[in-house]
Protein backbone atom coordinates (compact mmCIF):
# COMPACT_ATOMS: atom_id res chain seq x y z
CA MET A 1 0.00 0.00 0.00
CA GLU A 2 1.36 3.42 -0.97
CA THR A 3 1.71 6.08 1.72
CA ALA A 4 -0.24 9.30 1.21
CA ALA A 5 1.83 12.45 0.82
CA ASP A 6 1.16 16.06 1.79
CA THR A 7 1.88 18.81 -0.75
CA PHE A 8 4.09 21.78 0.11
CA ASP A 9 3.72 24.68 -2.32
CA LEU A 10 7.03 26.56 -2.56
CA LYS A 11 6.32 28.09 -5.96
CA GLY A 12 7.63 31.62 -6.37
CA LEU A 13 10.46 31.18 -3.87
CA ASN A 14 14.08 31.35 -4.99
CA CYS A 15 17.24 29.68 -3.71
CA PRO A 16 17.87 28.98 -0.87
CA LEU A 17 14.29 29.29 0.43
CA PRO A 18 12.83 26.10 -1.12
CA VAL A 19 15.48 23.96 0.59
CA LEU A 20 15.30 25.83 3.89
CA LYS A 21 11.51 25.60 4.06
CA ALA A 22 11.50 21.94 2.97
CA ARG A 23 14.09 21.16 5.68
CA LYS A 24 11.91 22.78 8.36
CA ARG A 25 8.74 21.03 7.17
CA LEU A 26 10.42 17.61 6.97
CA ALA A 27 11.96 18.05 10.42
CA GLY A 28 8.43 18.16 11.86
CA MET A 29 7.37 14.95 10.12
CA ARG A 30 7.85 11.36 11.24
CA PRO A 31 10.44 9.16 9.50
CA GLY A 32 8.90 7.47 6.47
CA ALA A 33 6.34 10.24 5.88
CA ARG A 34 6.16 11.57 2.34
CA LEU A 35 5.98 15.13 1.06
CA TRP A 36 5.45 16.54 -2.42
CA VAL A 37 7.46 19.75 -2.80
CA GLU A 38 6.38 22.04 -5.65
CA THR A 39 8.88 24.66 -6.88
CA THR A 40 9.38 27.15 -9.69
CA ASP A 41 13.05 27.91 -8.92
CA PRO A 42 15.19 26.34 -11.69
CA LEU A 43 17.99 25.68 -9.18
CA ALA A 44 15.69 23.43 -7.16
CA ALA A 45 16.39 20.69 -9.71
CA ILE A 46 19.94 20.64 -8.31
CA ASP A 47 19.35 21.81 -4.75
CA ILE A 48 16.52 19.48 -3.67
CA PRO A 49 18.28 16.23 -4.71
CA ALA A 50 21.51 17.42 -3.04
CA PHE A 51 19.59 18.35 0.11
CA CYS A 52 17.93 14.91 0.24
CA THR A 53 21.29 13.14 -0.10
CA GLN A 54 22.91 15.33 2.54
CA GLU A 55 20.06 15.01 5.05
CA GLY A 56 19.35 11.29 4.54
CA HIS A 57 15.92 11.67 2.92
CA ARG A 58 14.84 9.58 -0.08
CA LEU A 59 13.98 11.42 -3.27
CA LEU A 60 11.34 9.08 -4.68
CA GLU A 61 10.24 11.03 -7.74
CA THR A 62 11.14 14.16 -9.68
CA LEU A 63 8.70 15.61 -12.20
CA ALA A 64 9.44 18.47 -14.57
CA VAL A 65 6.19 20.40 -14.95
CA SER A 66 5.29 23.59 -16.77
CA GLY A 67 7.12 26.36 -14.94
CA GLY A 68 8.92 24.21 -12.39
CA HIS A 69 9.42 20.87 -10.66
CA HIS A 70 7.65 18.57 -8.24
CA PHE A 71 9.66 16.37 -5.89
CA LEU A 72 8.35 13.46 -3.83
CA ILE A 73 10.50 13.16 -0.71
CA GLU A 74 10.32 10.45 1.93
CA ARG A 75 11.47 11.64 5.35
CA GLY A 76 14.63 9.85 6.42
CA PRO A 77 15.41 8.54 9.89
CA ALA A 78 15.69 11.03 12.74
CA ARG A 79 19.21 12.30 13.21
CA LEU A 80 20.82 12.22 16.62
CA ALA A 81 20.58 16.02 16.90
CA GLU A 82 16.81 15.80 16.30
CA THR A 83 16.16 13.30 19.06
CA ASP A 84 15.95 13.99 22.77
CA ILE A 85 18.77 12.08 24.44
CA SER A 86 18.53 13.91 27.76
CA GLY A 87 16.36 11.47 29.46
């Protein structure tokens, strides 16, 4: 069964805002959750895949659409800095 994905509209934003906003949104999601990110920034075609690799997220799909791109990202595992180890 395929997991449903939210859509995050980042159209009209230019580098580095699509990556920064996607990072913040994904940080609030559980590992394994999926998010469609919609952009119009041409650099997002480079920046979003690089961000996913760097942060440990899975880029499941990239679609070139009229005026931009859509990216389906699966949230990677929580990083040590994101978890509460004080307890």
